[in-house]
Amino acid sequence: MLNCVDKEKTYNEIFCIGGPEAVENKRYYEIIGELLGTTVTVTEIPLTGYVEAHPGFAGHLCHRIYDLTKLKETGVPLPSTSLYDGMKETLQL
């Protein structure tokens, strides 16, 4: 964010700030388990009927892919910390 301060192309804009790789939601929780030294068990459930019964969770039933093209075009350095390393660093704070 601090790299945006002196770049006029970033003013009044909204950017995705995901890291350099995309991972499945399952892997996200597995990483948390690894960092906490515990095993994570993910139980998959059938999606048929689930979205209709729980429409508020629809956004969590898909992968989130971040496109950093818009940020790159401003000249701001792109995020380069892996998800694992970023989560590990956050946990150590």
C-alpha atoms as a PDB file:
ATOM      1  CA  MET A   1       0.000   0.000   0.000  1.00  0.00           C
ATOM      2  CA  LEU A   2       2.824   2.372   0.765  1.00  0.00           C
ATOM      3  CA  ASN A   3       4.093   1.895  -2.795  1.00  0.00           C
ATOM      4  CA  CYS A   4       0.884   3.561  -3.996  1.00  0.00           C
ATOM      5  CA  VAL A   5       1.465   6.872  -2.196  1.00  0.00           C
ATOM      6  CA  ASP A   6       3.481   8.529  -4.960  1.00  0.00           C
ATOM      7  CA  LYS A   7       1.789   6.849  -7.953  1.00  0.00           C
ATOM      8  CA  GLU A   8      -1.079   8.972  -9.289  1.00  0.00           C
ATOM      9  CA  LYS A   9      -2.434   6.036 -11.324  1.00  0.00           C
ATOM     10  CA  THR A  10      -3.366   4.382  -8.016  1.00  0.00           C
ATOM     11  CA  TYR A  11      -5.391   7.287  -6.647  1.00  0.00           C
ATOM     12  CA  ASN A  12      -9.112   6.554  -6.153  1.00  0.00           C
ATOM     13  CA  GLU A  13      -8.724   2.999  -7.456  1.00  0.00           C
ATOM     14  CA  ILE A  14      -9.489  -0.438  -6.021  1.00  0.00           C
ATOM     15  CA  PHE A  15      -7.025  -3.289  -6.563  1.00  0.00           C
ATOM     16  CA  CYS A  16      -6.863  -7.014  -5.886  1.00  0.00           C
ATOM     17  CA  ILE A  17      -3.917  -7.647  -3.591  1.00  0.00           C
ATOM     18  CA  GLY A  18      -3.744 -11.411  -3.644  1.00  0.00           C
ATOM     19  CA  GLY A  19      -0.349 -13.025  -3.633  1.00  0.00           C
ATOM     20  CA  PRO A  20       1.522 -14.601  -6.525  1.00  0.00           C
ATOM     21  CA  GLU A  21      -0.316 -17.939  -6.448  1.00  0.00           C
ATOM     22  CA  ALA A  22      -3.889 -19.155  -6.131  1.00  0.00           C
ATOM     23  CA  VAL A  23      -4.721 -22.093  -3.886  1.00  0.00           C
ATOM     24  CA  GLU A  24      -7.848 -24.114  -3.219  1.00  0.00           C
ATOM     25  CA  ASN A  25      -9.819 -23.149  -0.120  1.00  0.00           C
ATOM     26  CA  LYS A  26      -8.999 -26.601   1.287  1.00  0.00           C
ATOM     27  CA  ARG A  27      -5.269 -25.909   0.960  1.00  0.00           C
ATOM     28  CA  TYR A  28      -5.695 -22.586   2.783  1.00  0.00           C
ATOM     29  CA  TYR A  29      -6.978 -24.409   5.860  1.00  0.00           C
ATOM     30  CA  GLU A  30      -4.351 -27.135   5.530  1.00  0.00           C
ATOM     31  CA  ILE A  31      -1.654 -24.443   5.678  1.00  0.00           C
ATOM     32  CA  ILE A  32      -3.200 -23.021   8.851  1.00  0.00           C
ATOM     33  CA  GLY A  33      -3.132 -26.519  10.359  1.00  0.00           C
ATOM     34  CA  GLU A  34       0.504 -27.038   9.362  1.00  0.00           C
ATOM     35  CA  LEU A  35       1.524 -23.731  10.895  1.00  0.00           C
ATOM     36  CA  LEU A  36      -0.349 -24.539  14.105  1.00  0.00           C
ATOM     37  CA  GLY A  37       1.104 -28.060  14.192  1.00  0.00           C
ATOM     38  CA  THR A  38      -2.224 -29.848  13.834  1.00  0.00           C
ATOM     39  CA  THR A  39      -4.026 -31.876  11.206  1.00  0.00           C
ATOM     40  CA  VAL A  40      -6.995 -30.336   9.415  1.00  0.00           C
ATOM     41  CA  THR A  41      -9.728 -32.597   8.141  1.00  0.00           C
ATOM     42  CA  VAL A  42     -11.959 -31.165   5.454  1.00  0.00           C
ATOM     43  CA  THR A  43     -15.208 -32.971   4.783  1.00  0.00           C
ATOM     44  CA  GLU A  44     -16.700 -32.264   1.393  1.00  0.00           C
ATOM     45  CA  ILE A  45     -20.459 -31.982   1.181  1.00  0.00           C
ATOM     46  CA  PRO A  46     -22.681 -32.226  -1.894  1.00  0.00           C
ATOM     47  CA  LEU A  47     -23.400 -28.813  -3.371  1.00  0.00           C
ATOM     48  CA  THR A  48     -26.760 -29.909  -4.738  1.00  0.00           C
ATOM     49  CA  GLY A  49     -29.335 -28.048  -2.685  1.00  0.00           C
ATOM     50  CA  TYR A  50     -26.756 -26.414  -0.414  1.00  0.00           C
ATOM     51  CA  VAL A  51     -26.588 -23.089  -2.255  1.00  0.00           C
ATOM     52  CA  GLU A  52     -30.366 -22.838  -2.324  1.00  0.00           C
ATOM     53  CA  ALA A  53     -30.598 -23.603   1.397  1.00  0.00           C
ATOM     54  CA  HIS A  54     -27.686 -21.308   2.338  1.00  0.00           C
ATOM     55  CA  PRO A  55     -27.444 -18.515  -0.271  1.00  0.00           C
ATOM     56  CA  GLY A  56     -25.302 -16.420   2.081  1.00  0.00           C
ATOM     57  CA  PHE A  57     -22.443 -18.903   1.714  1.00  0.00           C
ATOM     58  CA  ALA A  58     -22.432 -18.934  -2.102  1.00  0.00           C
ATOM     59  CA  GLY A  59     -19.255 -16.819  -2.223  1.00  0.00           C
ATOM     60  CA  HIS A  60     -17.390 -19.452  -0.213  1.00  0.00           C
ATOM     61  CA  LEU A  61     -18.218 -22.298  -2.565  1.00  0.00           C
ATOM     62  CA  CYS A  62     -15.788 -21.333  -5.285  1.00  0.00           C
ATOM     63  CA  HIS A  63     -12.142 -20.516  -5.772  1.00  0.00           C
ATOM     64  CA  ARG A  64     -11.035 -16.915  -5.543  1.00  0.00           C
ATOM     65  CA  ILE A  65      -8.614 -16.002  -8.287  1.00  0.00           C
ATOM     66  CA  TYR A  66      -6.994 -12.605  -8.098  1.00  0.00           C
ATOM     67  CA  ASP A  67      -5.957 -10.669 -11.173  1.00  0.00           C
ATOM     68  CA  LEU A  68      -3.052  -8.328 -10.494  1.00  0.00           C
ATOM     69  CA  THR A  69      -2.957  -6.835 -14.012  1.00  0.00           C
ATOM     70  CA  LYS A  70      -4.514  -3.522 -12.974  1.00  0.00           C
ATOM     71  CA  LEU A  71      -2.021  -3.117 -10.123  1.00  0.00           C
ATOM     72  CA  LYS A  72       0.904  -4.066 -12.378  1.00  0.00           C
ATOM     73  CA  GLU A  73      -0.077  -1.399 -14.916  1.00  0.00           C
ATOM     74  CA  THR A  74       0.374   1.341 -12.281  1.00  0.00           C
ATOM     75  CA  GLY A  75       4.043   0.468 -11.787  1.00  0.00           C
ATOM     76  CA  VAL A  76       3.534  -0.687  -8.196  1.00  0.00           C
ATOM     77  CA  PRO A  77       5.620  -3.760  -7.301  1.00  0.00           C
ATOM     78  CA  LEU A  78       3.403  -6.847  -7.200  1.00  0.00           C
ATOM     79  CA  PRO A  79       3.046  -8.985  -4.072  1.00  0.00           C
ATOM     80  CA  SER A  80       5.707 -11.677  -4.080  1.00  0.00           C
ATOM     81  CA  THR A  81       5.305 -13.367  -0.697  1.00  0.00           C
ATOM     82  CA  SER A  82       3.843 -16.862  -0.957  1.00  0.00           C
ATOM     83  CA  LEU A  83       0.625 -17.583   0.916  1.00  0.00           C
ATOM     84  CA  TYR A  84       2.425 -20.044   3.203  1.00  0.00           C
ATOM     85  CA  ASP A  85       5.218 -17.586   4.067  1.00  0.00           C
ATOM     86  CA  GLY A  86       2.783 -14.707   4.543  1.00  0.00           C
ATOM     87  CA  MET A  87       0.594 -16.725   6.894  1.00  0.00           C
ATOM     88  CA  LYS A  88       3.661 -17.967   8.786  1.00  0.00           C
ATOM     89  CA  GLU A  89       4.908 -14.407   9.192  1.00  0.00           C
ATOM     90  CA  THR A  90       1.484 -13.234  10.373  1.00  0.00           C
ATOM     91  CA  LEU A  91       1.287 -16.043  12.916  1.00  0.00           C
ATOM     92  CA  GLN A  92       4.670 -15.044  14.352  1.00  0.00           C
ATOM     93  CA  LEU A  93       3.577 -11.419  14.973  1.00  0.00           C
END
